Amino acid sequence: MHHIADAHINGYVRFRWALTEQTPEIKPYDETRWSEIVDARTLPIESSLMILEGVHSRWAGLLRDLTEQDFQRGFYHPELDRIVTLSDALPMYVWHADHHTAQIQWIREQKLSG
């Protein structure tokens, strides 16, 4: 859950940069190293669930009012070496959350059945 919260905090900020700057270059982050920081290792998942609730509320409010032209704005992703439009980024973030949620559900089912 901490990883999803970290990713979606970054995603929301990337959207805001793309909407307020001309094709900004984002700063990638080392997800593995972020997961090794003390808060990600020790805090209860409820803290990340609260972050996700807030970020998703703000992100959804932002998305509701975007125009088609807004969705064509983007940011430069140096690891991908390309511009990612908001219309391309949104389904990637949705997939990412769904992917990790499915992993968490699978692990929980394994623990319950084992």
PDB file of N, CA and C in Angstrom:
ATOM      1  N   MET A   1       0.825  -1.196   0.000  1.00  0.00           N
ATOM      2  CA  MET A   1       0.000   0.000   0.000  1.00  0.00           C
ATOM      3  C   MET A   1       0.863   1.251   0.000  1.00  0.00           C
ATOM      4  N   HIS A   2       1.986   1.195   0.699  1.00  0.00           N
ATOM      5  CA  HIS A   2       2.861   2.366   0.742  1.00  0.00           C
ATOM      6  C   HIS A   2       3.390   2.678  -0.664  1.00  0.00           C
ATOM      7  N   HIS A   3       3.722   1.650  -1.409  1.00  0.00           N
ATOM      8  CA  HIS A   3       4.217   1.839  -2.777  1.00  0.00           C
ATOM      9  C   HIS A   3       3.153   2.493  -3.659  1.00  0.00           C
ATOM     10  N   ILE A   4       1.923   2.041  -3.567  1.00  0.00           N
ATOM     11  CA  ILE A   4       0.850   2.635  -4.373  1.00  0.00           C
ATOM     12  C   ILE A   4       0.661   4.100  -3.985  1.00  0.00           C
ATOM     13  N   ALA A   5       0.686   4.388  -2.697  1.00  0.00           N
ATOM     14  CA  ALA A   5       0.547   5.780  -2.251  1.00  0.00           C
ATOM     15  C   ALA A   5       1.686   6.638  -2.801  1.00  0.00           C
ATOM     16  N   ASP A   6       2.914   6.134  -2.708  1.00  0.00           N
ATOM     17  CA  ASP A   6       4.058   6.884  -3.247  1.00  0.00           C
ATOM     18  C   ASP A   6       3.874   7.158  -4.737  1.00  0.00           C
ATOM     19  N   ALA A   7       3.493   6.137  -5.476  1.00  0.00           N
ATOM     20  CA  ALA A   7       3.329   6.275  -6.926  1.00  0.00           C
ATOM     21  C   ALA A   7       2.228   7.277  -7.272  1.00  0.00           C
ATOM     22  N   HIS A   8       1.139   7.241  -6.541  1.00  0.00           N
ATOM     23  CA  HIS A   8       0.015   8.110  -6.884  1.00  0.00           C
ATOM     24  C   HIS A   8       0.228   9.541  -6.419  1.00  0.00           C
ATOM     25  N   ILE A   9       1.000   9.734  -5.352  1.00  0.00           N
ATOM     26  CA  ILE A   9       1.413  11.094  -4.989  1.00  0.00           C
ATOM     27  C   ILE A   9       2.218  11.675  -6.149  1.00  0.00           C
ATOM     28  N   ASN A  10       3.190  10.914  -6.625  1.00  0.00           N
ATOM     29  CA  ASN A  10       4.018  11.370  -7.740  1.00  0.00           C
ATOM     30  C   ASN A  10       3.183  11.576  -9.000  1.00  0.00           C
ATOM     31  N   GLY A  11       2.260  10.675  -9.267  1.00  0.00           N
ATOM     32  CA  GLY A  11       1.412  10.794 -10.451  1.00  0.00           C
ATOM     33  C   GLY A  11       0.570  12.058 -10.437  1.00  0.00           C
ATOM     34  N   TYR A  12      -0.036  12.341  -9.307  1.00  0.00           N
ATOM     35  CA  TYR A  12      -0.864  13.541  -9.172  1.00  0.00           C
ATOM     36  C   TYR A  12      -0.029  14.799  -9.410  1.00  0.00           C
ATOM     37  N   VAL A  13       1.163  14.844  -8.823  1.00  0.00           N
ATOM     38  CA  VAL A  13       2.044  15.996  -9.003  1.00  0.00           C
ATOM     39  C   VAL A  13       2.480  16.106 -10.465  1.00  0.00           C
ATOM     40  N   ARG A  14       2.754  14.995 -11.101  1.00  0.00           N
ATOM     41  CA  ARG A  14       3.143  15.020 -12.514  1.00  0.00           C
ATOM     42  C   ARG A  14       2.025  15.599 -13.378  1.00  0.00           C
ATOM     43  N   PHE A  15       0.791  15.241 -13.074  1.00  0.00           N
ATOM     44  CA  PHE A  15      -0.347  15.795 -13.818  1.00  0.00           C
ATOM     45  C   PHE A  15      -0.401  17.310 -13.629  1.00  0.00           C
ATOM     46  N   ARG A  16      -0.221  17.752 -12.413  1.00  0.00           N
ATOM     47  CA  ARG A  16      -0.285  19.192 -12.132  1.00  0.00           C
ATOM     48  C   ARG A  16       0.858  19.936 -12.832  1.00  0.00           C
ATOM     49  N   TRP A  17       2.048  19.335 -12.849  1.00  0.00           N
ATOM     50  CA  TRP A  17       3.158  19.961 -13.578  1.00  0.00           C
ATOM     51  C   TRP A  17       2.817  20.067 -15.059  1.00  0.00           C
ATOM     52  N   ALA A  18       2.293  18.990 -15.633  1.00  0.00           N
ATOM     53  CA  ALA A  18       1.974  18.996 -17.063  1.00  0.00           C
ATOM     54  C   ALA A  18       0.920  20.053 -17.402  1.00  0.00           C
ATOM     55  N   LEU A  19       0.043  20.325 -16.455  1.00  0.00           N
ATOM     56  CA  LEU A  19      -1.014  21.311 -16.700  1.00  0.00           C
ATOM     57  C   LEU A  19      -0.548  22.747 -16.469  1.00  0.00           C
ATOM     58  N   THR A  20       0.575  22.919 -15.784  1.00  0.00           N
ATOM     59  CA  THR A  20       1.004  24.275 -15.448  1.00  0.00           C
ATOM     60  C   THR A  20       2.343  24.666 -16.062  1.00  0.00           C
ATOM     61  N   GLU A  21       3.031  23.713 -16.666  1.00  0.00           N
ATOM     62  CA  GLU A  21       4.324  23.998 -17.290  1.00  0.00           C
ATOM     63  C   GLU A  21       4.323  23.417 -18.695  1.00  0.00           C
ATOM     64  N   GLN A  22       5.205  23.914 -19.534  1.00  0.00           N
ATOM     65  CA  GLN A  22       5.296  23.425 -20.907  1.00  0.00           C
ATOM     66  C   GLN A  22       6.178  22.184 -20.960  1.00  0.00           C
ATOM     67  N   THR A  23       5.554  21.018 -21.043  1.00  0.00           N
ATOM     68  CA  THR A  23       6.230  19.725 -21.129  1.00  0.00           C
ATOM     69  C   THR A  23       7.386  19.622 -20.126  1.00  0.00           C
ATOM     70  N   PRO A  24       7.062  19.632 -18.839  1.00  0.00           N
ATOM     71  CA  PRO A  24       8.123  19.542 -17.828  1.00  0.00           C
ATOM     72  C   PRO A  24       8.804  18.177 -17.838  1.00  0.00           C
ATOM     73  N   GLU A  25      10.061  18.170 -17.459  1.00  0.00           N
ATOM     74  CA  GLU A  25      10.766  16.904 -17.277  1.00  0.00           C
ATOM     75  C   GLU A  25      10.553  16.471 -15.842  1.00  0.00           C
ATOM     76  N   ILE A  26      10.004  15.281 -15.679  1.00  0.00           N
ATOM     77  CA  ILE A  26       9.746  14.779 -14.331  1.00  0.00           C
ATOM     78  C   ILE A  26      11.022  14.197 -13.748  1.00  0.00           C
ATOM     79  N   LYS A  27      11.013  14.064 -12.452  1.00  0.00           N
ATOM     80  CA  LYS A  27      12.129  13.423 -11.763  1.00  0.00           C
ATOM     81  C   LYS A  27      11.694  12.010 -11.395  1.00  0.00           C
ATOM     82  N   PRO A  28      12.277  11.011 -12.046  1.00  0.00           N
ATOM     83  CA  PRO A  28      11.974   9.634 -11.635  1.00  0.00           C
ATOM     84  C   PRO A  28      12.493   9.391 -10.217  1.00  0.00           C
ATOM     85  N   TYR A  29      11.974   8.357  -9.583  1.00  0.00           N
ATOM     86  CA  TYR A  29      12.436   8.025  -8.232  1.00  0.00           C
ATOM     87  C   TYR A  29      12.662   6.522  -8.159  1.00  0.00           C
ATOM     88  N   ASP A  30      13.554   6.136  -7.289  1.00  0.00           N
ATOM     89  CA  ASP A  30      13.910   4.733  -7.119  1.00  0.00           C
ATOM     90  C   ASP A  30      12.890   4.093  -6.172  1.00  0.00           C
ATOM     91  N   GLU A  31      11.935   3.384  -6.747  1.00  0.00           N
ATOM     92  CA  GLU A  31      10.843   2.793  -5.959  1.00  0.00           C
ATOM     93  C   GLU A  31      11.364   1.834  -4.893  1.00  0.00           C
ATOM     94  N   THR A  32      12.389   1.084  -5.205  1.00  0.00           N
ATOM     95  CA  THR A  32      12.948   0.143  -4.233  1.00  0.00           C
ATOM     96  C   THR A  32      13.531   0.885  -3.042  1.00  0.00           C
ATOM     97  N   ARG A  33      14.289   1.925  -3.311  1.00  0.00           N
ATOM     98  CA  ARG A  33      14.884   2.689  -2.203  1.00  0.00           C
ATOM     99  C   ARG A  33      13.804   3.397  -1.394  1.00  0.00           C
ATOM    100  N   TRP A  34      12.767   3.891  -2.057  1.00  0.00           N
ATOM    101  CA  TRP A  34      11.662   4.514  -1.315  1.00  0.00           C
ATOM    102  C   TRP A  34      11.031   3.487  -0.374  1.00  0.00           C
ATOM    103  N   SER A  35      10.926   2.239  -0.822  1.00  0.00           N
ATOM    104  CA  SER A  35      10.288   1.212   0.011  1.00  0.00           C
ATOM    105  C   SER A  35      11.156   0.817   1.206  1.00  0.00           C
ATOM    106  N   GLU A  36      12.423   1.196   1.184  1.00  0.00           N
ATOM    107  CA  GLU A  36      13.335   0.863   2.277  1.00  0.00           C
ATOM    108  C   GLU A  36      13.402   1.951   3.347  1.00  0.00           C
ATOM    109  N   ILE A  37      12.790   3.105   3.084  1.00  0.00           N
ATOM    110  CA  ILE A  37      12.795   4.190   4.063  1.00  0.00           C
ATOM    111  C   ILE A  37      11.908   3.778   5.234  1.00  0.00           C
ATOM    112  N   VAL A  38      12.258   4.243   6.411  1.00  0.00           N
ATOM    113  CA  VAL A  38      11.650   3.770   7.657  1.00  0.00           C
ATOM    114  C   VAL A  38      10.114   3.849   7.649  1.00  0.00           C
ATOM    115  N   ASP A  39       9.533   4.914   7.119  1.00  0.00           N
ATOM    116  CA  ASP A  39       8.068   5.010   7.164  1.00  0.00           C
ATOM    117  C   ASP A  39       7.406   3.900   6.353  1.00  0.00           C
ATOM    118  N   ALA A  40       7.996   3.567   5.208  1.00  0.00           N
ATOM    119  CA  ALA A  40       7.431   2.510   4.363  1.00  0.00           C
ATOM    120  C   ALA A  40       7.584   1.132   4.997  1.00  0.00           C
ATOM    121  N   ARG A  41       8.571   0.987   5.852  1.00  0.00           N
ATOM    122  CA  ARG A  41       8.808  -0.302   6.504  1.00  0.00           C
ATOM    123  C   ARG A  41       8.047  -0.469   7.804  1.00  0.00           C
ATOM    124  N   THR A  42       7.677   0.639   8.460  1.00  0.00           N
ATOM    125  CA  THR A  42       7.164   0.504   9.822  1.00  0.00           C
ATOM    126  C   THR A  42       5.753   1.030  10.054  1.00  0.00           C
ATOM    127  N   LEU A  43       5.307   1.978   9.252  1.00  0.00           N
ATOM    128  CA  LEU A  43       3.979   2.546   9.515  1.00  0.00           C
ATOM    129  C   LEU A  43       2.871   1.591   9.087  1.00  0.00           C
ATOM    130  N   PRO A  44       1.751   1.638   9.750  1.00  0.00           N
ATOM    131  CA  PRO A  44       0.623   0.798   9.334  1.00  0.00           C
ATOM    132  C   PRO A  44       0.092   1.235   7.965  1.00  0.00           C
ATOM    133  N   ILE A  45      -0.490   0.294   7.254  1.00  0.00           N
ATOM    134  CA  ILE A  45      -0.978   0.611   5.904  1.00  0.00           C
ATOM    135  C   ILE A  45      -2.097   1.652   5.927  1.00  0.00           C
ATOM    136  N   GLU A  46      -2.745   1.827   7.062  1.00  0.00           N
ATOM    137  CA  GLU A  46      -3.820   2.824   7.154  1.00  0.00           C
ATOM    138  C   GLU A  46      -3.329   4.220   6.784  1.00  0.00           C
ATOM    139  N   SER A  47      -2.070   4.512   7.086  1.00  0.00           N
ATOM    140  CA  SER A  47      -1.541   5.836   6.739  1.00  0.00           C
ATOM    141  C   SER A  47      -1.514   6.022   5.225  1.00  0.00           C
ATOM    142  N   SER A  48      -1.151   4.986   4.494  1.00  0.00           N
ATOM    143  CA  SER A  48      -1.147   5.075   3.033  1.00  0.00           C
ATOM    144  C   SER A  48      -2.560   5.049   2.462  1.00  0.00           C
ATOM    145  N   LEU A  49      -3.461   4.335   3.120  1.00  0.00           N
ATOM    146  CA  LEU A  49      -4.858   4.346   2.667  1.00  0.00           C
ATOM    147  C   LEU A  49      -5.450   5.750   2.794  1.00  0.00           C
ATOM    148  N   MET A  50      -5.098   6.455   3.854  1.00  0.00           N
ATOM    149  CA  MET A  50      -5.579   7.833   4.024  1.00  0.00           C
ATOM    150  C   MET A  50      -4.987   8.746   2.949  1.00  0.00           C
ATOM    151  N   ILE A  51      -3.699   8.561   2.643  1.00  0.00           N
ATOM    152  CA  ILE A  51      -3.071   9.338   1.574  1.00  0.00           C
ATOM    153  C   ILE A  51      -3.791   9.084   0.255  1.00  0.00           C
ATOM    154  N   LEU A  52      -4.024   7.816  -0.037  1.00  0.00           N
ATOM    155  CA  LEU A  52      -4.692   7.475  -1.300  1.00  0.00           C
ATOM    156  C   LEU A  52      -6.085   8.067  -1.379  1.00  0.00           C
ATOM    157  N   GLU A  53      -6.815   8.034  -0.286  1.00  0.00           N
ATOM    158  CA  GLU A  53      -8.157   8.616  -0.287  1.00  0.00           C
ATOM    159  C   GLU A  53      -8.094  10.104  -0.636  1.00  0.00           C
ATOM    160  N   GLY A  54      -7.171  10.815  -0.013  1.00  0.00           N
ATOM    161  CA  GLY A  54      -7.039  12.244  -0.291  1.00  0.00           C
ATOM    162  C   GLY A  54      -6.534  12.539  -1.692  1.00  0.00           C
ATOM    163  N   VAL A  55      -5.478  11.845  -2.102  1.00  0.00           N
ATOM    164  CA  VAL A  55      -4.917  12.073  -3.442  1.00  0.00           C
ATOM    165  C   VAL A  55      -5.941  11.720  -4.515  1.00  0.00           C
ATOM    166  N   HIS A  56      -6.627  10.609  -4.346  1.00  0.00           N
ATOM    167  CA  HIS A  56      -7.612  10.217  -5.361  1.00  0.00           C
ATOM    168  C   HIS A  56      -8.784  11.186  -5.409  1.00  0.00           C
ATOM    169  N   SER A  57      -9.171  11.725  -4.275  1.00  0.00           N
ATOM    170  CA  SER A  57     -10.241  12.712  -4.260  1.00  0.00           C
ATOM    171  C   SER A  57      -9.828  13.961  -5.044  1.00  0.00           C
ATOM    172  N   ARG A  58      -8.620  14.448  -4.776  1.00  0.00           N
ATOM    173  CA  ARG A  58      -8.123  15.626  -5.494  1.00  0.00           C
ATOM    174  C   ARG A  58      -7.923  15.318  -6.974  1.00  0.00           C
ATOM    175  N   TRP A  59      -7.343  14.157  -7.281  1.00  0.00           N
ATOM    176  CA  TRP A  59      -7.051  13.785  -8.663  1.00  0.00           C
ATOM    177  C   TRP A  59      -8.349  13.650  -9.457  1.00  0.00           C
ATOM    178  N   ALA A  60      -9.344  13.000  -8.869  1.00  0.00           N
ATOM    179  CA  ALA A  60     -10.637  12.840  -9.550  1.00  0.00           C
ATOM    180  C   ALA A  60     -11.283  14.204  -9.794  1.00  0.00           C
ATOM    181  N   GLY A  61     -11.202  15.098  -8.812  1.00  0.00           N
ATOM    182  CA  GLY A  61     -11.746  16.439  -8.993  1.00  0.00           C
ATOM    183  C   GLY A  61     -11.048  17.178 -10.121  1.00  0.00           C
ATOM    184  N   LEU A  62      -9.749  17.011 -10.214  1.00  0.00           N
ATOM    185  CA  LEU A  62      -8.983  17.620 -11.292  1.00  0.00           C
ATOM    186  C   LEU A  62      -9.382  17.033 -12.646  1.00  0.00           C
ATOM    187  N   LEU A  63      -9.439  15.715 -12.716  1.00  0.00           N
ATOM    188  CA  LEU A  63      -9.731  15.037 -13.982  1.00  0.00           C
ATOM    189  C   LEU A  63     -11.111  15.384 -14.534  1.00  0.00           C
ATOM    190  N   ARG A  64     -12.083  15.575 -13.645  1.00  0.00           N
ATOM    191  CA  ARG A  64     -13.453  15.871 -14.088  1.00  0.00           C
ATOM    192  C   ARG A  64     -13.532  17.119 -14.972  1.00  0.00           C
ATOM    193  N   ASP A  65     -12.668  18.083 -14.701  1.00  0.00           N
ATOM    194  CA  ASP A  65     -12.751  19.354 -15.408  1.00  0.00           C
ATOM    195  C   ASP A  65     -11.748  19.511 -16.547  1.00  0.00           C
ATOM    196  N   LEU A  66     -10.969  18.473 -16.830  1.00  0.00           N
ATOM    197  CA  LEU A  66      -9.994  18.591 -17.911  1.00  0.00           C
ATOM    198  C   LEU A  66     -10.679  18.492 -19.272  1.00  0.00           C
ATOM    199  N   THR A  67     -10.160  19.261 -20.201  1.00  0.00           N
ATOM    200  CA  THR A  67     -10.647  19.203 -21.574  1.00  0.00           C
ATOM    201  C   THR A  67      -9.816  18.194 -22.361  1.00  0.00           C
ATOM    202  N   GLU A  68     -10.267  17.878 -23.556  1.00  0.00           N
ATOM    203  CA  GLU A  68      -9.491  16.992 -24.430  1.00  0.00           C
ATOM    204  C   GLU A  68      -8.122  17.601 -24.693  1.00  0.00           C
ATOM    205  N   GLN A  69      -8.090  18.906 -24.837  1.00  0.00           N
ATOM    206  CA  GLN A  69      -6.813  19.600 -25.050  1.00  0.00           C
ATOM    207  C   GLN A  69      -5.900  19.442 -23.833  1.00  0.00           C
ATOM    208  N   ASP A  70      -6.463  19.514 -22.646  1.00  0.00           N
ATOM    209  CA  ASP A  70      -5.668  19.309 -21.422  1.00  0.00           C
ATOM    210  C   ASP A  70      -5.052  17.914 -21.410  1.00  0.00           C
ATOM    211  N   PHE A  71      -5.831  16.920 -21.813  1.00  0.00           N
ATOM    212  CA  PHE A  71      -5.328  15.542 -21.796  1.00  0.00           C
ATOM    213  C   PHE A  71      -4.202  15.320 -22.799  1.00  0.00           C
ATOM    214  N   GLN A  72      -4.057  16.220 -23.763  1.00  0.00           N
ATOM    215  CA  GLN A  72      -2.965  16.103 -24.733  1.00  0.00           C
ATOM    216  C   GLN A  72      -1.670  16.734 -24.228  1.00  0.00           C
ATOM    217  N   ARG A  73      -1.754  17.445 -23.113  1.00  0.00           N
ATOM    218  CA  ARG A  73      -0.543  17.968 -22.495  1.00  0.00           C
ATOM    219  C   ARG A  73       0.232  16.788 -21.918  1.00  0.00           C
ATOM    220  N   GLY A  74       1.507  16.986 -21.671  1.00  0.00           N
ATOM    221  CA  GLY A  74       2.283  15.868 -21.160  1.00  0.00           C
ATOM    222  C   GLY A  74       3.529  16.311 -20.428  1.00  0.00           C
ATOM    223  N   PHE A  75       4.270  15.303 -20.018  1.00  0.00           N
ATOM    224  CA  PHE A  75       5.549  15.530 -19.346  1.00  0.00           C
ATOM    225  C   PHE A  75       6.577  14.627 -19.997  1.00  0.00           C
ATOM    226  N   TYR A  76       7.818  15.060 -19.935  1.00  0.00           N
ATOM    227  CA  TYR A  76       8.910  14.257 -20.472  1.00  0.00           C
ATOM    228  C   TYR A  76       9.390  13.316 -19.373  1.00  0.00           C
ATOM    229  N   HIS A  77       9.400  12.021 -19.695  1.00  0.00           N
ATOM    230  CA  HIS A  77       9.857  11.005 -18.747  1.00  0.00           C
ATOM    231  C   HIS A  77      11.246  10.543 -19.187  1.00  0.00           C
ATOM    232  N   PRO A  78      12.299  10.937 -18.458  1.00  0.00           N
ATOM    233  CA  PRO A  78      13.656  10.621 -18.915  1.00  0.00           C
ATOM    234  C   PRO A  78      13.981   9.126 -18.959  1.00  0.00           C
ATOM    235  N   GLU A  79      13.372   8.329 -18.109  1.00  0.00           N
ATOM    236  CA  GLU A  79      13.639   6.884 -18.165  1.00  0.00           C
ATOM    237  C   GLU A  79      13.017   6.249 -19.407  1.00  0.00           C
ATOM    238  N   LEU A  80      11.890   6.779 -19.848  1.00  0.00           N
ATOM    239  CA  LEU A  80      11.247   6.281 -21.066  1.00  0.00           C
ATOM    240  C   LEU A  80      11.772   7.003 -22.306  1.00  0.00           C
ATOM    241  N   ASP A  81      12.448   8.121 -22.084  1.00  0.00           N
ATOM    242  CA  ASP A  81      12.980   8.973 -23.141  1.00  0.00           C
ATOM    243  C   ASP A  81      11.889   9.390 -24.132  1.00  0.00           C
ATOM    244  N   ARG A  82      10.757   9.817 -23.554  1.00  0.00           N
ATOM    245  CA  ARG A  82       9.662  10.291 -24.408  1.00  0.00           C
ATOM    246  C   ARG A  82       8.702  11.153 -23.607  1.00  0.00           C
ATOM    247  N   ILE A  83       7.878  11.864 -24.333  1.00  0.00           N
ATOM    248  CA  ILE A  83       6.817  12.642 -23.712  1.00  0.00           C
ATOM    249  C   ILE A  83       5.633  11.714 -23.476  1.00  0.00           C
ATOM    250  N   VAL A  84       5.097  11.760 -22.276  1.00  0.00           N
ATOM    251  CA  VAL A  84       3.923  10.967 -21.914  1.00  0.00           C
ATOM    252  C   VAL A  84       2.762  11.949 -21.762  1.00  0.00           C
ATOM    253  N   THR A  85       1.732  11.788 -22.581  1.00  0.00           N
ATOM    254  CA  THR A  85       0.569  12.661 -22.451  1.00  0.00           C
ATOM    255  C   THR A  85      -0.273  12.217 -21.260  1.00  0.00           C
ATOM    256  N   LEU A  86      -1.085  13.126 -20.775  1.00  0.00           N
ATOM    257  CA  LEU A  86      -1.956  12.771 -19.656  1.00  0.00           C
ATOM    258  C   LEU A  86      -2.940  11.688 -20.061  1.00  0.00           C
ATOM    259  N   SER A  87      -3.372  11.706 -21.334  1.00  0.00           N
ATOM    260  CA  SER A  87      -4.294  10.649 -21.782  1.00  0.00           C
ATOM    261  C   SER A  87      -3.613   9.286 -21.807  1.00  0.00           C
ATOM    262  N   ASP A  88      -2.297   9.246 -21.974  1.00  0.00           N
ATOM    263  CA  ASP A  88      -1.558   7.977 -21.898  1.00  0.00           C
ATOM    264  C   ASP A  88      -1.204   7.620 -20.458  1.00  0.00           C
ATOM    265  N   ALA A  89      -0.934   8.629 -19.631  1.00  0.00           N
ATOM    266  CA  ALA A  89      -0.508   8.377 -18.254  1.00  0.00           C
ATOM    267  C   ALA A  89      -1.647   7.856 -17.387  1.00  0.00           C
ATOM    268  N   LEU A  90      -2.853   8.382 -17.582  1.00  0.00           N
ATOM    269  CA  LEU A  90      -3.963   7.997 -16.707  1.00  0.00           C
ATOM    270  C   LEU A  90      -4.223   6.493 -16.693  1.00  0.00           C
ATOM    271  N   PRO A  91      -4.368   5.833 -17.844  1.00  0.00           N
ATOM    272  CA  PRO A  91      -4.591   4.382 -17.780  1.00  0.00           C
ATOM    273  C   PRO A  91      -3.410   3.613 -17.190  1.00  0.00           C
ATOM    274  N   MET A  92      -2.201   4.155 -17.305  1.00  0.00           N
ATOM    275  CA  MET A  92      -1.048   3.481 -16.696  1.00  0.00           C
ATOM    276  C   MET A  92      -1.162   3.502 -15.176  1.00  0.00           C
ATOM    277  N   TYR A  93      -1.604   4.634 -14.614  1.00  0.00           N
ATOM    278  CA  TYR A  93      -1.765   4.705 -13.156  1.00  0.00           C
ATOM    279  C   TYR A  93      -2.927   3.835 -12.683  1.00  0.00           C
ATOM    280  N   VAL A  94      -3.987   3.775 -13.455  1.00  0.00           N
ATOM    281  CA  VAL A  94      -5.120   2.908 -13.102  1.00  0.00           C
ATOM    282  C   VAL A  94      -4.656   1.452 -13.120  1.00  0.00           C
ATOM    283  N   TRP A  95      -3.950   1.052 -14.186  1.00  0.00           N
ATOM    284  CA  TRP A  95      -3.443  -0.314 -14.272  1.00  0.00           C
ATOM    285  C   TRP A  95      -2.523  -0.616 -13.095  1.00  0.00           C
ATOM    286  N   HIS A  96      -1.641   0.316 -12.787  1.00  0.00           N
ATOM    287  CA  HIS A  96      -0.673   0.115 -11.703  1.00  0.00           C
ATOM    288  C   HIS A  96      -1.381  -0.179 -10.383  1.00  0.00           C
ATOM    289  N   ALA A  97      -2.380   0.612 -10.049  1.00  0.00           N
ATOM    290  CA  ALA A  97      -3.124   0.402  -8.801  1.00  0.00           C
ATOM    291  C   ALA A  97      -3.865  -0.930  -8.838  1.00  0.00           C
ATOM    292  N   ASP A  98      -4.510  -1.236  -9.953  1.00  0.00           N
ATOM    293  CA  ASP A  98      -5.241  -2.505 -10.073  1.00  0.00           C
ATOM    294  C   ASP A  98      -4.289  -3.699  -9.950  1.00  0.00           C
ATOM    295  N   HIS A  99      -3.128  -3.590 -10.580  1.00  0.00           N
ATOM    296  CA  HIS A  99      -2.124  -4.661 -10.562  1.00  0.00           C
ATOM    297  C   HIS A  99      -1.680  -4.969  -9.128  1.00  0.00           C
ATOM    298  N   HIS A 100      -1.325  -3.930  -8.386  1.00  0.00           N
ATOM    299  CA  HIS A 100      -0.856  -4.156  -7.023  1.00  0.00           C
ATOM    300  C   HIS A 100      -1.997  -4.548  -6.078  1.00  0.00           C
ATOM    301  N   THR A 101      -3.177  -4.044  -6.320  1.00  0.00           N
ATOM    302  CA  THR A 101      -4.328  -4.453  -5.510  1.00  0.00           C
ATOM    303  C   THR A 101      -4.602  -5.949  -5.706  1.00  0.00           C
ATOM    304  N   ALA A 102      -4.501  -6.417  -6.946  1.00  0.00           N
ATOM    305  CA  ALA A 102      -4.687  -7.848  -7.220  1.00  0.00           C
ATOM    306  C   ALA A 102      -3.606  -8.674  -6.523  1.00  0.00           C
ATOM    307  N   GLN A 103      -2.382  -8.188  -6.508  1.00  0.00           N
ATOM    308  CA  GLN A 103      -1.309  -8.894  -5.810  1.00  0.00           C
ATOM    309  C   GLN A 103      -1.610  -9.000  -4.315  1.00  0.00           C
ATOM    310  N   ILE A 104      -2.054  -7.902  -3.732  1.00  0.00           N
ATOM    311  CA  ILE A 104      -2.379  -7.882  -2.304  1.00  0.00           C
ATOM    312  C   ILE A 104      -3.522  -8.853  -2.009  1.00  0.00           C
ATOM    313  N   GLN A 105      -4.544  -8.853  -2.851  1.00  0.00           N
ATOM    314  CA  GLN A 105      -5.677  -9.765  -2.658  1.00  0.00           C
ATOM    315  C   GLN A 105      -5.223 -11.214  -2.775  1.00  0.00           C
ATOM    316  N   TRP A 106      -4.356 -11.510  -3.721  1.00  0.00           N
ATOM    317  CA  TRP A 106      -3.867 -12.869  -3.898  1.00  0.00           C
ATOM    318  C   TRP A 106      -3.090 -13.314  -2.655  1.00  0.00           C
ATOM    319  N   ILE A 107      -2.228 -12.448  -2.142  1.00  0.00           N
ATOM    320  CA  ILE A 107      -1.449 -12.782  -0.942  1.00  0.00           C
ATOM    321  C   ILE A 107      -2.381 -13.029   0.241  1.00  0.00           C
ATOM    322  N   ARG A 108      -3.377 -12.184   0.403  1.00  0.00           N
ATOM    323  CA  ARG A 108      -4.335 -12.362   1.512  1.00  0.00           C
ATOM    324  C   ARG A 108      -5.071 -13.697   1.388  1.00  0.00           C
ATOM    325  N   GLU A 109      -5.487 -14.041   0.165  1.00  0.00           N
ATOM    326  CA  GLU A 109      -6.185 -15.309  -0.041  1.00  0.00           C
ATOM    327  C   GLU A 109      -5.277 -16.496   0.278  1.00  0.00           C
ATOM    328  N   GLN A 110      -3.998 -16.387  -0.091  1.00  0.00           N
ATOM    329  CA  GLN A 110      -3.053 -17.466   0.197  1.00  0.00           C
ATOM    330  C   GLN A 110      -2.882 -17.648   1.710  1.00  0.00           C
ATOM    331  N   LYS A 111      -2.809 -16.547   2.425  1.00  0.00           N
ATOM    332  CA  LYS A 111      -2.655 -16.620   3.874  1.00  0.00           C
ATOM    333  C   LYS A 111      -3.893 -17.187   4.535  1.00  0.00           C
ATOM    334  N   LEU A 112      -5.070 -16.828   4.028  1.00  0.00           N
ATOM    335  CA  LEU A 112      -6.328 -17.313   4.607  1.00  0.00           C
ATOM    336  C   LEU A 112      -6.541 -18.795   4.322  1.00  0.00           C
ATOM    337  N   SER A 113      -6.092 -19.250   3.149  1.00  0.00           N
ATOM    338  CA  SER A 113      -6.315 -20.654   2.786  1.00  0.00           C
ATOM    339  C   SER A 113      -5.192 -21.556   3.297  1.00  0.00           C
ATOM    340  N   GLY A 114      -4.104 -20.963   3.728  1.00  0.00           N
ATOM    341  CA  GLY A 114      -2.949 -21.765   4.154  1.00  0.00           C
ATOM    342  C   GLY A 114      -2.928 -21.966   5.589  1.00  0.00           C
TER     343      GLY A 114
END
